[in-house]
C-alpha atoms as a PDB file:
ATOM      1  CA  MET A   1     132.498 -39.857 -69.299  1.00  0.00           C
ATOM      2  CA  ARG A   2     130.995 -43.229 -68.431  1.00  0.00           C
ATOM      3  CA  LEU A   3     129.482 -41.899 -65.218  1.00  0.00           C
ATOM      4  CA  SER A   4     128.039 -38.751 -66.789  1.00  0.00           C
ATOM      5  CA  GLN A   5     124.980 -40.660 -67.980  1.00  0.00           C
ATOM      6  CA  PHE A   6     123.932 -41.400 -64.403  1.00  0.00           C
ATOM      7  CA  ASP A   7     122.312 -39.080 -61.849  1.00  0.00           C
ATOM      8  CA  PHE A   8     124.117 -39.537 -58.531  1.00  0.00           C
ATOM      9  CA  GLU A   9     125.569 -37.654 -55.563  1.00  0.00           C
ATOM     10  CA  ILE A  10     128.990 -38.197 -53.992  1.00  0.00           C
ATOM     11  CA  GLU A  11     129.056 -38.209 -50.185  1.00  0.00           C
ATOM     12  CA  HIS A  12     132.111 -38.562 -47.972  1.00  0.00           C
ATOM     13  CA  ARG A  13     132.072 -41.449 -45.485  1.00  0.00           C
ATOM     14  CA  LYS A  14     134.458 -41.484 -42.566  1.00  0.00           C
ATOM     15  CA  GLY A  15     136.865 -44.389 -42.313  1.00  0.00           C
ATOM     16  CA  LYS A  16     135.364 -45.680 -39.056  1.00  0.00           C
ATOM     17  CA  LEU A  17     131.937 -45.838 -40.734  1.00  0.00           C
ATOM     18  CA  ASN A  18     133.248 -47.882 -43.664  1.00  0.00           C
ATOM     19  CA  VAL A  19     132.584 -51.396 -42.371  1.00  0.00           C
ATOM     20  CA  ILE A  20     133.747 -53.238 -45.504  1.00  0.00           C
ATOM     21  CA  PRO A  21     137.171 -51.749 -46.314  1.00  0.00           C
ATOM     22  CA  ASP A  22     139.794 -53.683 -48.215  1.00  0.00           C
ATOM     23  CA  ALA A  23     142.861 -54.996 -46.430  1.00  0.00           C
ATOM     24  CA  LEU A  24     145.395 -52.685 -48.092  1.00  0.00           C
ATOM     25  CA  SER A  25     143.462 -49.502 -47.271  1.00  0.00           C
ATOM     26  CA  ARG A  26     143.422 -50.321 -43.563  1.00  0.00           C
ATOM     27  CA  ILE A  27     147.062 -50.972 -42.705  1.00  0.00           C
ATOM     28  CA  GLN A  28     147.366 -51.586 -38.982  1.00  0.00           C
ATOM     29  CA  VAL A  29     149.851 -49.307 -37.236  1.00  0.00           C
ATOM     30  CA  ASP A  30     151.781 -51.023 -34.461  1.00  0.00           C
ATOM     31  CA  ALA A  31     151.608 -49.398 -31.046  1.00  0.00           C
ATOM     32  CA  ILE A  32     155.188 -48.356 -30.261  1.00  0.00           C
ATOM     33  CA  ALA A  33     155.529 -46.768 -26.847  1.00  0.00           C
ATOM     34  CA  THR A  34     159.224 -46.883 -25.940  1.00  0.00           C
ATOM     35  CA  PRO A  35     160.307 -43.633 -24.233  1.00  0.00           C
ATOM     36  CA  ALA A  36     163.073 -45.686 -22.498  1.00  0.00           C
ATOM     37  CA  THR A  37     164.577 -46.797 -25.811  1.00  0.00           C
ATOM     38  CA  SER A  38     168.321 -47.081 -26.340  1.00  0.00           C
ATOM     39  CA  ASP A  39     168.063 -44.929 -29.486  1.00  0.00           C
ATOM     40  CA  GLU A  40     169.777 -41.683 -28.464  1.00  0.00           C
ATOM     41  CA  TRP A  41     168.191 -39.604 -31.222  1.00  0.00           C
ATOM     42  CA  TYR A  42     164.683 -40.843 -30.382  1.00  0.00           C
ATOM     43  CA  ARG A  43     165.175 -40.311 -26.639  1.00  0.00           C
ATOM     44  CA  HIS A  44     166.605 -36.817 -27.184  1.00  0.00           C
ATOM     45  CA  VAL A  45     163.672 -35.671 -29.330  1.00  0.00           C
ATOM     46  CA  TYR A  46     161.148 -37.370 -27.046  1.00  0.00           C
ATOM     47  CA  GLU A  47     162.444 -35.677 -23.891  1.00  0.00           C
ATOM     48  CA  ASP A  48     162.975 -32.258 -25.483  1.00  0.00           C
ATOM     49  CA  CYS A  49     159.544 -32.363 -27.074  1.00  0.00           C
ATOM     50  CA  GLN A  50     157.959 -32.861 -23.662  1.00  0.00           C
ATOM     51  CA  ALA A  51     160.127 -30.217 -21.970  1.00  0.00           C
ATOM     52  CA  ASN A  52     159.936 -27.586 -24.716  1.00  0.00           C
ATOM     53  CA  PRO A  53     157.223 -28.297 -27.312  1.00  0.00           C
ATOM     54  CA  ARG A  54     157.805 -24.999 -29.122  1.00  0.00           C
ATOM     55  CA  LYS A  55     161.327 -26.089 -30.022  1.00  0.00           C
ATOM     56  CA  TYR A  56     159.920 -29.032 -31.985  1.00  0.00           C
ATOM     57  CA  PRO A  57     156.742 -27.824 -33.707  1.00  0.00           C
ATOM     58  CA  ASN A  58     156.684 -30.838 -36.038  1.00  0.00           C
ATOM     59  CA  PHE A  59     156.824 -33.380 -33.197  1.00  0.00           C
ATOM     60  CA  MET A  60     154.247 -34.360 -30.617  1.00  0.00           C
ATOM     61  CA  VAL A  61     154.080 -36.866 -27.746  1.00  0.00           C
ATOM     62  CA  LYS A  62     150.701 -38.556 -27.529  1.00  0.00           C
ATOM     63  CA  ASP A  63     149.886 -41.663 -25.461  1.00  0.00           C
ATOM     64  CA  ASP A  64     153.617 -42.173 -24.782  1.00  0.00           C
ATOM     65  CA  ARG A  65     154.288 -42.247 -28.532  1.00  0.00           C
ATOM     66  CA  LEU A  66     156.371 -39.781 -30.513  1.00  0.00           C
ATOM     67  CA  LEU A  67     154.671 -38.460 -33.660  1.00  0.00           C
ATOM     68  CA  ARG A  68     156.007 -36.294 -36.473  1.00  0.00           C
ATOM     69  CA  TYR A  69     153.965 -33.982 -38.695  1.00  0.00           C
ATOM     70  CA  SER A  70     155.366 -34.368 -42.192  1.00  0.00           C
ATOM     71  CA  LYS A  71     154.347 -34.089 -45.809  1.00  0.00           C
ATOM     72  CA  ASN A  72     153.357 -37.139 -47.793  1.00  0.00           C
ATOM     73  CA  LYS A  73     155.460 -37.640 -50.910  1.00  0.00           C
ATOM     74  CA  TYR A  74     153.011 -39.841 -52.779  1.00  0.00           C
ATOM     75  CA  GLU A  75     149.660 -39.259 -54.406  1.00  0.00           C
ATOM     76  CA  LEU A  76     146.173 -40.189 -53.166  1.00  0.00           C
ATOM     77  CA  THR A  77     146.979 -39.093 -49.608  1.00  0.00           C
ATOM     78  CA  ASN A  78     146.573 -35.946 -47.544  1.00  0.00           C
ATOM     79  CA  GLU A  79     149.252 -33.340 -48.021  1.00  0.00           C
ATOM     80  CA  PHE A  80     150.369 -33.457 -44.352  1.00  0.00           C
ATOM     81  CA  ASN A  81     149.798 -36.081 -41.696  1.00  0.00           C
ATOM     82  CA  TRP A  82     151.000 -37.188 -38.236  1.00  0.00           C
ATOM     83  CA  LYS A  83     153.255 -40.238 -38.488  1.00  0.00           C
ATOM     84  CA  LEU A  84     154.590 -42.568 -35.833  1.00  0.00           C
ATOM     85  CA  VAL A  85     158.314 -42.135 -35.159  1.00  0.00           C
ATOM     86  CA  VAL A  86     160.014 -45.538 -34.917  1.00  0.00           C
ATOM     87  CA  PRO A  87     163.095 -46.042 -32.689  1.00  0.00           C
ATOM     88  CA  GLU A  88     166.065 -47.967 -34.015  1.00  0.00           C
ATOM     89  CA  GLU A  89     165.355 -51.298 -32.274  1.00  0.00           C
ATOM     90  CA  ASP A  90     161.806 -51.503 -33.690  1.00  0.00           C
ATOM     91  CA  ARG A  91     162.611 -50.647 -37.319  1.00  0.00           C
ATOM     92  CA  LEU A  92     163.523 -54.192 -38.366  1.00  0.00           C
ATOM     93  CA  ASP A  93     160.127 -55.530 -37.230  1.00  0.00           C
ATOM     94  CA  ILE A  94     158.341 -52.767 -39.132  1.00  0.00           C
ATOM     95  CA  LEU A  95     160.388 -53.506 -42.259  1.00  0.00           C
ATOM     96  CA  LYS A  96     159.551 -57.208 -42.033  1.00  0.00           C
ATOM     97  CA  LYS A  97     155.864 -56.418 -41.634  1.00  0.00           C
ATOM     98  CA  CYS A  98     155.769 -54.081 -44.638  1.00  0.00           C
ATOM     99  CA  HIS A  99     157.924 -56.256 -46.921  1.00  0.00           C
ATOM    100  CA  ASP A 100     158.066 -59.932 -45.861  1.00  0.00           C
ATOM    101  CA  GLU A 101     154.493 -60.729 -44.843  1.00  0.00           C
ATOM    102  CA  PRO A 102     152.195 -62.301 -47.473  1.00  0.00           C
ATOM    103  CA  VAL A 103     149.975 -59.202 -47.693  1.00  0.00           C
ATOM    104  CA  SER A 104     153.103 -57.110 -48.356  1.00  0.00           C
ATOM    105  CA  ALA A 105     154.049 -59.305 -51.353  1.00  0.00           C
ATOM    106  CA  HIS A 106     157.820 -58.567 -51.242  1.00  0.00           C
ATOM    107  CA  LEU A 107     157.455 -55.333 -53.187  1.00  0.00           C
ATOM    108  CA  GLY A 108     160.409 -53.289 -54.435  1.00  0.00           C
ATOM    109  CA  VAL A 109     162.183 -50.369 -52.803  1.00  0.00           C
ATOM    110  CA  PHE A 110     159.825 -47.656 -54.061  1.00  0.00           C
ATOM    111  CA  LYS A 111     156.576 -49.404 -53.117  1.00  0.00           C
ATOM    112  CA  THR A 112     157.892 -50.643 -49.767  1.00  0.00           C
ATOM    113  CA  HIS A 113     159.017 -47.118 -48.863  1.00  0.00           C
ATOM    114  CA  LYS A 114     155.669 -45.767 -50.013  1.00  0.00           C
ATOM    115  CA  ARG A 115     153.849 -48.217 -47.752  1.00  0.00           C
ATOM    116  CA  LEU A 116     156.053 -47.337 -44.777  1.00  0.00           C
ATOM    117  CA  SER A 117     155.928 -43.569 -45.228  1.00  0.00           C
ATOM    118  CA  LEU A 118     152.135 -43.520 -44.977  1.00  0.00           C
ATOM    119  CA  ASN A 119     152.255 -44.221 -41.234  1.00  0.00           C
ATOM    120  CA  TYR A 120     155.877 -44.274 -40.041  1.00  0.00           C
ATOM    121  CA  TYR A 121     158.936 -42.037 -39.959  1.00  0.00           C
ATOM    122  CA  TRP A 122     162.584 -42.318 -38.982  1.00  0.00           C
ATOM    123  CA  PRO A 123     165.761 -40.669 -40.302  1.00  0.00           C
ATOM    124  CA  SER A 124     167.247 -42.182 -43.479  1.00  0.00           C
ATOM    125  CA  MET A 125     164.204 -44.406 -43.977  1.00  0.00           C
ATOM    126  CA  TYR A 126     164.648 -44.739 -47.760  1.00  0.00           C
ATOM    127  CA  ARG A 127     168.293 -45.803 -47.403  1.00  0.00           C
ATOM    128  CA  GLU A 128     167.424 -48.494 -44.855  1.00  0.00           C
ATOM    129  CA  VAL A 129     164.533 -49.746 -46.992  1.00  0.00           C
ATOM    130  CA  LYS A 130     166.862 -49.966 -49.991  1.00  0.00           C
ATOM    131  CA  GLU A 131     169.440 -51.968 -48.030  1.00  0.00           C
ATOM    132  CA  TYR A 132     166.780 -54.293 -46.579  1.00  0.00           C
ATOM    133  CA  VAL A 133     165.163 -55.070 -49.938  1.00  0.00           C
ATOM    134  CA  LYS A 134     168.589 -55.481 -51.525  1.00  0.00           C
ATOM    135  CA  LYS A 135     169.491 -58.237 -49.022  1.00  0.00           C
ATOM    136  CA  CYS A 136     166.126 -60.040 -49.063  1.00  0.00           C
ATOM    137  CA  GLU A 137     166.758 -63.704 -49.910  1.00  0.00           C
ATOM    138  CA  ILE A 138     163.252 -64.276 -51.293  1.00  0.00           C
ATOM    139  CA  CYS A 139     163.571 -61.316 -53.677  1.00  0.00           C
ATOM    140  CA  LYS A 140     166.978 -62.534 -54.869  1.00  0.00           C
ATOM    141  CA  GLN A 141     165.643 -65.964 -55.762  1.00  0.00           C
ATOM    142  CA  TYR A 142     162.275 -65.086 -57.285  1.00  0.00           C
ATOM    143  CA  LYS A 143     162.629 -61.672 -58.920  1.00  0.00           C
ATOM    144  CA  PRO A 144     164.149 -61.295 -62.401  1.00  0.00           C
ATOM    145  CA  VAL A 145     167.299 -59.289 -63.048  1.00  0.00           C
ATOM    146  CA  ASN A 146     166.841 -55.945 -64.795  1.00  0.00           C
ATOM    147  CA  THR A 147     170.526 -55.170 -65.376  1.00  0.00           C
ATOM    148  CA  ALA A 148     172.728 -55.918 -68.377  1.00  0.00           C
ATOM    149  CA  ARG A 149     173.918 -59.515 -68.413  1.00  0.00           C
ATOM    150  CA  PRO A 150     177.601 -60.136 -67.619  1.00  0.00           C
ATOM    151  CA  GLY A 151     180.256 -61.768 -69.757  1.00  0.00           C
ATOM    152  CA  LEU A 152     181.284 -61.584 -73.386  1.00  0.00           C
ATOM    153  CA  MET A 153     181.050 -64.358 -75.960  1.00  0.00           C
ATOM    154  CA  GLY A 154     184.511 -65.167 -77.334  1.00  0.00           C
ATOM    155  CA  ASN A 155     187.389 -62.739 -77.007  1.00  0.00           C
ATOM    156  CA  PRO A 156     186.753 -59.405 -75.225  1.00  0.00           C
ATOM    157  CA  LYS A 157     186.139 -56.477 -77.556  1.00  0.00           C
ATOM    158  CA  GLU A 158     188.176 -53.308 -77.587  1.00  0.00           C
ATOM    159  CA  TYR A 159     185.115 -51.043 -77.536  1.00  0.00           C
ATOM    160  CA  TYR A 160     182.626 -50.513 -74.726  1.00  0.00           C
ATOM    161  CA  ASN A 161     179.489 -52.630 -75.086  1.00  0.00           C
ATOM    162  CA  LEU A 162     176.375 -51.118 -73.507  1.00  0.00           C
ATOM    163  CA  ARG A 163     174.605 -54.497 -73.571  1.00  0.00           C
ATOM    164  CA  LYS A 164     177.240 -56.223 -71.433  1.00  0.00           C
ATOM    165  CA  ARG A 165     178.999 -55.530 -68.158  1.00  0.00           C
ATOM    166  CA  HIS A 166     182.350 -56.834 -66.945  1.00  0.00           C
ATOM    167  CA  VAL A 167     182.152 -59.139 -63.903  1.00  0.00           C
ATOM    168  CA  GLU A 168     184.884 -61.200 -62.241  1.00  0.00           C
ATOM    169  CA  LEU A 169     184.061 -63.846 -59.641  1.00  0.00           C
ATOM    170  CA  LYS A 170     186.284 -65.658 -57.140  1.00  0.00           C
ATOM    171  CA  VAL A 171     186.388 -69.216 -55.827  1.00  0.00           C
ATOM    172  CA  GLY A 172     184.370 -69.504 -52.616  1.00  0.00           C
ATOM    173  CA  GLN A 173     182.141 -66.548 -53.474  1.00  0.00           C
ATOM    174  CA  ILE A 174     178.387 -66.864 -52.863  1.00  0.00           C
ATOM    175  CA  VAL A 175     176.354 -66.321 -56.045  1.00  0.00           C
ATOM    176  CA  TYR A 176     172.895 -67.035 -57.464  1.00  0.00           C
ATOM    177  CA  LYS A 177     172.488 -69.404 -60.425  1.00  0.00           C
ATOM    178  CA  ARG A 178     169.672 -68.907 -62.897  1.00  0.00           C
ATOM    179  CA  THR A 179     167.270 -71.874 -62.842  1.00  0.00           C
ATOM    180  CA  HIS A 180     165.510 -73.451 -65.820  1.00  0.00           C
ATOM    181  CA  TYR A 181     162.440 -75.392 -64.701  1.00  0.00           C
ATOM    182  CA  LEU A 182     159.825 -77.077 -66.897  1.00  0.00           C
ATOM    183  CA  SER A 183     156.203 -77.292 -65.884  1.00  0.00           C
ATOM    184  CA  ASN A 184     154.878 -80.792 -65.175  1.00  0.00           C
ATOM    185  CA  ALA A 185     151.114 -81.275 -65.069  1.00  0.00           C
ATOM    186  CA  SER A 186     151.345 -84.849 -63.750  1.00  0.00           C
ATOM    187  CA  LYS A 187     153.282 -83.644 -60.699  1.00  0.00           C
ATOM    188  CA  ARG A 188     151.174 -80.483 -60.403  1.00  0.00           C
ATOM    189  CA  PHE A 189     154.256 -78.309 -60.809  1.00  0.00           C
ATOM    190  CA  THR A 190     154.347 -74.980 -62.627  1.00  0.00           C
ATOM    191  CA  ALA A 191     157.565 -73.242 -63.554  1.00  0.00           C
ATOM    192  CA  LYS A 192     156.001 -69.809 -63.024  1.00  0.00           C
ATOM    193  CA  LEU A 193     155.967 -70.305 -59.245  1.00  0.00           C
ATOM    194  CA  ALA A 194     159.459 -71.808 -59.019  1.00  0.00           C
ATOM    195  CA  PRO A 195     162.398 -69.671 -57.846  1.00  0.00           C
ATOM    196  CA  LYS A 196     164.246 -67.988 -60.690  1.00  0.00           C
ATOM    197  CA  PHE A 197     167.622 -68.252 -58.932  1.00  0.00           C
ATOM    198  CA  GLN A 198     169.352 -70.785 -56.680  1.00  0.00           C
ATOM    199  CA  LYS A 199     171.906 -69.834 -54.063  1.00  0.00           C
ATOM    200  CA  CYS A 200     175.265 -71.484 -54.802  1.00  0.00           C
ATOM    201  CA  VAL A 201     178.993 -71.225 -54.123  1.00  0.00           C
ATOM    202  CA  ILE A 202     181.812 -71.114 -56.684  1.00  0.00           C
ATOM    203  CA  THR A 203     184.148 -74.103 -56.386  1.00  0.00           C
ATOM    204  CA  ALA A 204     186.340 -73.602 -59.471  1.00  0.00           C
ATOM    205  CA  LYS A 205     187.076 -71.031 -62.168  1.00  0.00           C
ATOM    206  CA  LEU A 206     187.538 -72.722 -65.531  1.00  0.00           C
ATOM    207  CA  SER A 207     187.816 -69.487 -67.526  1.00  0.00           C
ATOM    208  CA  PRO A 208     186.823 -65.830 -67.173  1.00  0.00           C
ATOM    209  CA  LEU A 209     183.385 -66.870 -68.442  1.00  0.00           C
ATOM    210  CA  VAL A 210     182.814 -70.389 -67.041  1.00  0.00           C
ATOM    211  CA  TYR A 211     182.606 -71.395 -63.373  1.00  0.00           C
ATOM    212  CA  THR A 212     181.898 -74.626 -61.486  1.00  0.00           C
ATOM    213  CA  LEU A 213     179.137 -74.230 -58.931  1.00  0.00           C
ATOM    214  CA  ALA A 214     178.002 -76.251 -55.940  1.00  0.00           C
ATOM    215  CA  SER A 215     174.879 -76.005 -53.819  1.00  0.00           C
ATOM    216  CA  MET A 216     174.984 -74.596 -50.290  1.00  0.00           C
ATOM    217  CA  GLU A 217     174.837 -78.218 -49.047  1.00  0.00           C
ATOM    218  CA  GLY A 218     178.111 -79.018 -50.880  1.00  0.00           C
ATOM    219  CA  LYS A 219     176.677 -80.936 -53.870  1.00  0.00           C
ATOM    220  CA  THR A 220     178.472 -80.152 -57.151  1.00  0.00           C
ATOM    221  CA  LEU A 221     175.969 -78.898 -59.733  1.00  0.00           C
ATOM    222  CA  ASP A 222     177.765 -78.313 -63.038  1.00  0.00           C
ATOM    223  CA  ASN A 223     179.734 -75.769 -65.062  1.00  0.00           C
ATOM    224  CA  PHE A 224     177.856 -72.559 -65.876  1.00  0.00           C
ATOM    225  CA  HIS A 225     178.425 -69.545 -68.081  1.00  0.00           C
ATOM    226  CA  ILE A 226     178.654 -66.235 -66.306  1.00  0.00           C
ATOM    227  CA  LYS A 227     175.510 -64.975 -68.049  1.00  0.00           C
ATOM    228  CA  ASP A 228     173.527 -67.410 -65.868  1.00  0.00           C
ATOM    229  CA  ILE A 229     175.253 -66.332 -62.642  1.00  0.00           C
ATOM    230  CA  LEU A 230     174.113 -63.417 -60.507  1.00  0.00           C
ATOM    231  CA  LYS A 231     176.634 -61.856 -58.149  1.00  0.00           C
ATOM    232  CA  GLN A 232     175.462 -61.486 -54.577  1.00  0.00           C
ATOM    233  CA  ASP A 233     175.540 -57.910 -53.312  1.00  0.00           C
ATOM    234  CA  ASP A 234     177.731 -57.315 -50.285  1.00  0.00           C
END
């Protein structure tokens, strides 16, 4: 509606002619040319695709790289596109590039998988992305928890409480303690940029709801209620 008052024409410009693109719209695709990889599945498809291309109509070998023609699951993209098939030994580097680098911003599972699936493909990609993001130390310390808090105040209730979840921790277990920082203008410190959780270890269990924690360097911190403790995923 806002543009209807103007007289203009829309013309398509090819990507190579767009000399001022933004960084996110021009994600660089790494050149992976590893036909001698140790990944048996990749080597099998690569060799069979060269020997009998009709058997694998959705695969193609171009410039010593294996490509797969697949449908994009997300909006604002073409319906089908050729994507680079990544062997097993190169997947960790691609995950780090699309999740850990500053331009990747440590996004969640959905957005990281969306970023990867635009240019790359390998079997069980979503599952591996989920496991990688789940174990990311930066995400554990800086991202808030969106699950029900653990522990019950006072005696446990007989009925099931949807706002709580039962959690039991053991001595020696690695956990994350919720931090409570205060901004300090004189020291140029803002609490918004501080980590929300600190990695700790349980040194004593005082009750089902209270635990003594120590830092990873061995310094005893204090006693904490279980609502301020986040269990580390295995």
